[in-house]
Amino acid sequence: MATVGFKVESPYVKREERKHHASDLKYQKFLDTVSGEASKRKTINVALFGVGRAGGIHLGNLKAHSNINLSYVVESDRSKWDQIQSACGSGTKIHHLIRTKDMLSDPELDACVICTPT
């Protein structure tokens, strides 16, 4: 008989549920969607300072996250503004560095990602 070699109990029996690390956001998003918790999570309004090499990477990551609203992008190079606007959509406001005081006084703004040269 083929099952004679398997005399011990399966390691998957009595296993509660999958344990995952808190940084596993994709699995947490899956669990939240299945349980209905996704609609209860707060959207975080973010401003991005600088859209150079690193800022471009962060821009893509911020846009890909479902709980992030990219409210503002601060970029001093006006030649990039059209490209940034097309990537972000009409809901994102683009500011020059001179107008950051207006943006930072927005009570809805939750966080800033600073990607300026070091």
C-alpha atoms as a PDB file:
ATOM      1  CA  MET A   1       0.000   0.000   0.000  1.00  0.00           C
ATOM      2  CA  ALA A   2       1.403   3.442  -0.926  1.00  0.00           C
ATOM      3  CA  THR A   3       0.410   5.197   2.309  1.00  0.00           C
ATOM      4  CA  VAL A   4       2.238   2.810   4.611  1.00  0.00           C
ATOM      5  CA  GLY A   5       5.359   5.030   4.465  1.00  0.00           C
ATOM      6  CA  PHE A   6       3.447   7.998   5.895  1.00  0.00           C
ATOM      7  CA  LYS A   7       2.841   6.995   9.497  1.00  0.00           C
ATOM      8  CA  VAL A   8       3.298  10.432  11.069  1.00  0.00           C
ATOM      9  CA  GLU A   9       0.617  13.073  11.051  1.00  0.00           C
ATOM     10  CA  SER A  10       0.811  15.736   8.346  1.00  0.00           C
ATOM     11  CA  PRO A  11       2.521  18.978   9.452  1.00  0.00           C
ATOM     12  CA  TYR A  12      -0.437  20.873   7.989  1.00  0.00           C
ATOM     13  CA  VAL A  13      -2.961  19.350  10.362  1.00  0.00           C
ATOM     14  CA  LYS A  14      -3.788  21.573  13.363  1.00  0.00           C
ATOM     15  CA  ARG A  15      -2.178  24.509  11.639  1.00  0.00           C
ATOM     16  CA  GLU A  16      -4.162  27.646  12.460  1.00  0.00           C
ATOM     17  CA  GLU A  17      -3.573  30.138   9.687  1.00  0.00           C
ATOM     18  CA  ARG A  18      -0.703  31.581   7.736  1.00  0.00           C
ATOM     19  CA  LYS A  19       1.586  33.834   9.757  1.00  0.00           C
ATOM     20  CA  HIS A  20       3.086  36.685   7.818  1.00  0.00           C
ATOM     21  CA  HIS A  21       5.475  39.487   8.613  1.00  0.00           C
ATOM     22  CA  ALA A  22       3.936  42.926   9.203  1.00  0.00           C
ATOM     23  CA  SER A  23       5.868  44.286   6.212  1.00  0.00           C
ATOM     24  CA  ASP A  24       4.108  41.864   3.839  1.00  0.00           C
ATOM     25  CA  LEU A  25       1.735  44.554   2.546  1.00  0.00           C
ATOM     26  CA  LYS A  26       0.474  42.584  -0.441  1.00  0.00           C
ATOM     27  CA  TYR A  27      -0.700  39.704   1.739  1.00  0.00           C
ATOM     28  CA  GLN A  28      -2.241  42.137   4.208  1.00  0.00           C
ATOM     29  CA  LYS A  29      -4.051  43.844   1.326  1.00  0.00           C
ATOM     30  CA  PHE A  30      -5.354  40.445   0.228  1.00  0.00           C
ATOM     31  CA  LEU A  31      -6.600  39.667   3.748  1.00  0.00           C
ATOM     32  CA  ASP A  32      -8.210  43.098   4.056  1.00  0.00           C
ATOM     33  CA  THR A  33      -9.970  42.696   0.718  1.00  0.00           C
ATOM     34  CA  VAL A  34     -11.304  39.264   1.624  1.00  0.00           C
ATOM     35  CA  SER A  35     -12.487  40.410   5.063  1.00  0.00           C
ATOM     36  CA  GLY A  36     -13.894  43.747   3.886  1.00  0.00           C
ATOM     37  CA  GLU A  37     -11.382  45.801   5.906  1.00  0.00           C
ATOM     38  CA  ALA A  38      -9.872  47.457   2.815  1.00  0.00           C
ATOM     39  CA  SER A  39     -12.699  49.965   2.538  1.00  0.00           C
ATOM     40  CA  LYS A  40     -12.177  51.044   6.173  1.00  0.00           C
ATOM     41  CA  ARG A  41      -8.499  51.962   5.782  1.00  0.00           C
ATOM     42  CA  LYS A  42      -7.612  55.669   5.694  1.00  0.00           C
ATOM     43  CA  THR A  43      -6.102  57.174   2.577  1.00  0.00           C
ATOM     44  CA  ILE A  44      -2.785  58.915   3.239  1.00  0.00           C
ATOM     45  CA  ASN A  45      -2.252  62.237   1.443  1.00  0.00           C
ATOM     46  CA  VAL A  46       1.395  62.605   0.427  1.00  0.00           C
ATOM     47  CA  ALA A  47       3.595  65.289  -1.111  1.00  0.00           C
ATOM     48  CA  LEU A  48       6.669  64.330  -3.136  1.00  0.00           C
ATOM     49  CA  PHE A  49       9.642  66.721  -3.244  1.00  0.00           C
ATOM     50  CA  GLY A  50      11.852  66.214  -6.295  1.00  0.00           C
ATOM     51  CA  VAL A  51      11.331  64.030  -9.345  1.00  0.00           C
ATOM     52  CA  GLY A  52      14.855  63.123 -10.340  1.00  0.00           C
ATOM     53  CA  ARG A  53      16.152  59.574 -10.566  1.00  0.00           C
ATOM     54  CA  ALA A  54      15.157  58.505  -7.037  1.00  0.00           C
ATOM     55  CA  GLY A  55      12.049  60.705  -7.028  1.00  0.00           C
ATOM     56  CA  GLY A  56      10.818  59.035 -10.199  1.00  0.00           C
ATOM     57  CA  ILE A  57      11.099  55.632  -8.532  1.00  0.00           C
ATOM     58  CA  HIS A  58       9.234  56.882  -5.468  1.00  0.00           C
ATOM     59  CA  LEU A  59       6.599  58.487  -7.700  1.00  0.00           C
ATOM     60  CA  GLY A  60       5.834  55.132  -9.308  1.00  0.00           C
ATOM     61  CA  ASN A  61       5.689  53.367  -5.948  1.00  0.00           C
ATOM     62  CA  LEU A  62       3.406  56.006  -4.423  1.00  0.00           C
ATOM     63  CA  LYS A  63       1.019  55.853  -7.395  1.00  0.00           C
ATOM     64  CA  ALA A  64       0.912  52.048  -7.217  1.00  0.00           C
ATOM     65  CA  HIS A  65      -0.161  51.953  -3.561  1.00  0.00           C
ATOM     66  CA  SER A  66      -3.938  51.868  -3.157  1.00  0.00           C
ATOM     67  CA  ASN A  67      -3.996  53.773   0.139  1.00  0.00           C
ATOM     68  CA  ILE A  68      -1.811  56.668  -1.028  1.00  0.00           C
ATOM     69  CA  ASN A  69      -3.147  59.826  -2.613  1.00  0.00           C
ATOM     70  CA  LEU A  70      -0.319  61.810  -4.187  1.00  0.00           C
ATOM     71  CA  SER A  71      -1.689  65.276  -3.485  1.00  0.00           C
ATOM     72  CA  TYR A  72       1.342  67.383  -4.395  1.00  0.00           C
ATOM     73  CA  VAL A  73       4.560  67.132  -6.358  1.00  0.00           C
ATOM     74  CA  VAL A  74       7.206  69.806  -5.848  1.00  0.00           C
ATOM     75  CA  GLU A  75       9.601  70.136  -8.776  1.00  0.00           C
ATOM     76  CA  SER A  76      11.722  73.154  -9.680  1.00  0.00           C
ATOM     77  CA  ASP A  77      12.343  72.033 -13.287  1.00  0.00           C
ATOM     78  CA  ARG A  78       9.243  73.270 -15.126  1.00  0.00           C
ATOM     79  CA  SER A  79      10.146  71.245 -18.235  1.00  0.00           C
ATOM     80  CA  LYS A  80       9.167  68.077 -16.311  1.00  0.00           C
ATOM     81  CA  TRP A  81       5.753  69.347 -15.211  1.00  0.00           C
ATOM     82  CA  ASP A  82       3.740  68.070 -18.215  1.00  0.00           C
ATOM     83  CA  GLN A  83       5.267  64.610 -17.952  1.00  0.00           C
ATOM     84  CA  ILE A  84       4.638  64.510 -14.182  1.00  0.00           C
ATOM     85  CA  GLN A  85       1.040  65.670 -14.625  1.00  0.00           C
ATOM     86  CA  SER A  86       0.334  62.984 -17.223  1.00  0.00           C
ATOM     87  CA  ALA A  87       1.817  60.322 -14.930  1.00  0.00           C
ATOM     88  CA  CYS A  88      -0.058  61.504 -11.834  1.00  0.00           C
ATOM     89  CA  GLY A  89      -3.385  62.627 -13.219  1.00  0.00           C
ATOM     90  CA  SER A  90      -5.412  65.748 -12.603  1.00  0.00           C
ATOM     91  CA  GLY A  91      -5.815  65.116  -8.854  1.00  0.00           C
ATOM     92  CA  THR A  92      -2.162  65.921  -8.186  1.00  0.00           C
ATOM     93  CA  LYS A  93      -1.062  69.548  -7.916  1.00  0.00           C
ATOM     94  CA  ILE A  94       2.436  70.422  -9.089  1.00  0.00           C
ATOM     95  CA  HIS A  95       4.237  73.242  -7.309  1.00  0.00           C
ATOM     96  CA  HIS A  96       7.521  75.048  -7.660  1.00  0.00           C
ATOM     97  CA  LEU A  97       9.785  75.054  -4.633  1.00  0.00           C
ATOM     98  CA  ILE A  98       8.831  78.691  -3.969  1.00  0.00           C
ATOM     99  CA  ARG A  99       5.193  77.740  -3.194  1.00  0.00           C
ATOM    100  CA  THR A 100       5.857  74.997  -0.625  1.00  0.00           C
ATOM    101  CA  LYS A 101       4.487  77.108   2.228  1.00  0.00           C
ATOM    102  CA  ASP A 102       0.993  77.000   0.666  1.00  0.00           C
ATOM    103  CA  MET A 103       1.213  73.265   0.241  1.00  0.00           C
ATOM    104  CA  LEU A 104       2.571  72.510   3.718  1.00  0.00           C
ATOM    105  CA  SER A 105      -0.234  74.521   5.316  1.00  0.00           C
ATOM    106  CA  ASP A 106      -2.805  72.105   3.833  1.00  0.00           C
ATOM    107  CA  PRO A 107      -4.436  70.370   6.846  1.00  0.00           C
ATOM    108  CA  GLU A 108      -5.205  67.289   4.712  1.00  0.00           C
ATOM    109  CA  LEU A 109      -1.507  66.600   3.999  1.00  0.00           C
ATOM    110  CA  ASP A 110      -0.271  63.622   6.053  1.00  0.00           C
ATOM    111  CA  ALA A 111       3.303  62.979   4.873  1.00  0.00           C
ATOM    112  CA  CYS A 112       6.134  64.245   2.683  1.00  0.00           C
ATOM    113  CA  VAL A 113       8.659  62.188   0.721  1.00  0.00           C
ATOM    114  CA  ILE A 114      11.819  64.210   0.131  1.00  0.00           C
ATOM    115  CA  CYS A 115      13.913  63.120  -2.861  1.00  0.00           C
ATOM    116  CA  THR A 116      16.309  66.018  -3.320  1.00  0.00           C
ATOM    117  CA  PRO A 117      19.985  65.561  -4.213  1.00  0.00           C
ATOM    118  CA  THR A 118      22.302  64.948  -1.284  1.00  0.00           C
END
